[in-house]
C-alpha atoms as a PDB file:
ATOM      1  CA  MET A   1      37.116 -52.147 -38.710  1.00  0.00           C
ATOM      2  CA  ASN A   2      33.710 -53.284 -39.742  1.00  0.00           C
ATOM      3  CA  GLY A   3      32.483 -56.731 -40.506  1.00  0.00           C
ATOM      4  CA  TYR A   4      32.674 -56.410 -44.164  1.00  0.00           C
ATOM      5  CA  THR A   5      36.761 -55.619 -43.922  1.00  0.00           C
ATOM      6  CA  VAL A   6      36.979 -58.172 -41.242  1.00  0.00           C
ATOM      7  CA  PHE A   7      35.270 -60.890 -44.042  1.00  0.00           C
ATOM      8  CA  LEU A   8      37.408 -59.660 -46.923  1.00  0.00           C
ATOM      9  CA  PHE A   9      40.851 -60.156 -45.093  1.00  0.00           C
ATOM     10  CA  LEU A  10      39.934 -63.230 -44.088  1.00  0.00           C
ATOM     11  CA  LEU A  11      38.824 -64.596 -47.788  1.00  0.00           C
ATOM     12  CA  VAL A  12      42.423 -62.889 -49.044  1.00  0.00           C
ATOM     13  CA  PHE A  13      44.002 -64.740 -46.447  1.00  0.00           C
ATOM     14  CA  GLY A  14      42.487 -68.378 -47.474  1.00  0.00           C
ATOM     15  CA  ALA A  15      43.492 -67.203 -51.416  1.00  0.00           C
ATOM     16  CA  ILE A  16      46.431 -66.929 -50.463  1.00  0.00           C
ATOM     17  CA  CYS A  17      46.842 -70.421 -48.275  1.00  0.00           C
ATOM     18  CA  TRP A  18      45.156 -71.936 -51.765  1.00  0.00           C
ATOM     19  CA  LEU A  19      47.770 -70.166 -53.393  1.00  0.00           C
ATOM     20  CA  ARG A  20      50.623 -71.395 -51.419  1.00  0.00           C
ATOM     21  CA  THR A  21      49.559 -75.320 -53.025  1.00  0.00           C
ATOM     22  CA  GLN A  22      48.690 -73.772 -56.523  1.00  0.00           C
ATOM     23  CA  VAL A  23      52.170 -71.441 -56.788  1.00  0.00           C
ATOM     24  CA  PRO A  24      55.025 -73.721 -56.292  1.00  0.00           C
ATOM     25  CA  TRP A  25      57.435 -70.869 -56.258  1.00  0.00           C
ATOM     26  CA  LEU A  26      55.356 -69.067 -54.124  1.00  0.00           C
ATOM     27  CA  GLY A  27      57.448 -69.030 -50.748  1.00  0.00           C
ATOM     28  CA  HIS A  28      60.502 -69.603 -52.672  1.00  0.00           C
ATOM     29  CA  LEU A  29      61.870 -66.395 -54.290  1.00  0.00           C
ATOM     30  CA  PRO A  30      64.804 -64.644 -54.880  1.00  0.00           C
ATOM     31  CA  GLY A  31      65.551 -63.431 -50.988  1.00  0.00           C
ATOM     32  CA  ASP A  32      63.840 -66.449 -49.514  1.00  0.00           C
ATOM     33  CA  LEU A  33      66.317 -67.936 -47.193  1.00  0.00           C
ATOM     34  CA  THR A  34      66.511 -71.889 -47.251  1.00  0.00           C
ATOM     35  CA  ILE A  35      69.157 -73.192 -44.461  1.00  0.00           C
ATOM     36  CA  PRO A  36      69.041 -77.254 -44.890  1.00  0.00           C
ATOM     37  CA  ILE A  37      69.771 -78.609 -41.369  1.00  0.00           C
ATOM     38  CA  GLY A  38      70.305 -82.396 -41.428  1.00  0.00           C
ATOM     39  CA  LYS A  39      67.482 -84.272 -43.270  1.00  0.00           C
ATOM     40  CA  GLY A  40      65.742 -81.487 -43.014  1.00  0.00           C
ATOM     41  CA  GLN A  41      65.485 -77.369 -44.110  1.00  0.00           C
ATOM     42  CA  VAL A  42      64.169 -73.774 -42.137  1.00  0.00           C
ATOM     43  CA  VAL A  43      62.790 -71.905 -45.168  1.00  0.00           C
ATOM     44  CA  ILE A  44      62.581 -68.133 -44.132  1.00  0.00           C
ATOM     45  CA  PRO A  45      60.467 -66.125 -46.662  1.00  0.00           C
ATOM     46  CA  LEU A  46      61.859 -62.891 -46.466  1.00  0.00           C
ATOM     47  CA  ALA A  47      60.913 -61.862 -50.100  1.00  0.00           C
ATOM     48  CA  THR A  48      57.412 -63.251 -50.525  1.00  0.00           C
ATOM     49  CA  CYS A  49      56.473 -61.513 -46.779  1.00  0.00           C
ATOM     50  CA  LEU A  50      57.784 -58.194 -48.017  1.00  0.00           C
ATOM     51  CA  ILE A  51      55.613 -58.630 -51.352  1.00  0.00           C
ATOM     52  CA  ALA A  52      52.609 -59.756 -49.320  1.00  0.00           C
ATOM     53  CA  SER A  53      52.824 -57.035 -46.936  1.00  0.00           C
ATOM     54  CA  VAL A  54      53.514 -54.489 -49.755  1.00  0.00           C
ATOM     55  CA  ILE A  55      49.731 -56.221 -51.423  1.00  0.00           C
ATOM     56  CA  VAL A  56      47.922 -56.454 -47.759  1.00  0.00           C
ATOM     57  CA  THR A  57      48.785 -52.428 -47.090  1.00  0.00           C
ATOM     58  CA  ILE A  58      47.585 -51.311 -50.801  1.00  0.00           C
ATOM     59  CA  ILE A  59      44.173 -53.099 -50.033  1.00  0.00           C
ATOM     60  CA  LEU A  60      43.843 -52.294 -46.866  1.00  0.00           C
ATOM     61  CA  LEU A  61      44.600 -48.322 -47.765  1.00  0.00           C
ATOM     62  CA  TYR A  62      42.374 -48.926 -50.527  1.00  0.00           C
ATOM     63  CA  LEU A  63      39.148 -49.902 -48.038  1.00  0.00           C
ATOM     64  CA  GLY A  64      40.067 -47.243 -45.892  1.00  0.00           C
ATOM     65  CA  ARG A  65      39.652 -44.552 -48.342  1.00  0.00           C
ATOM     66  CA  LYS A  66      36.355 -45.740 -49.452  1.00  0.00           C
ATOM     67  CA  SER A  67      34.673 -45.376 -46.320  1.00  0.00           C
END
């Protein structure tokens, strides 16, 4: 992995963290589990992680073919 790929990964990660606050449905898709416990809750974002994994895989495959 060269420096450009690491930079791009960090840029995408930062954008996802920023989008998390801007897009209220991110982390609350159908397929994400929410378990109420007492006064709080535990959220297990299965569908969100699956979609993010597919997007990151496509990006990394594209970057791998260019070099």
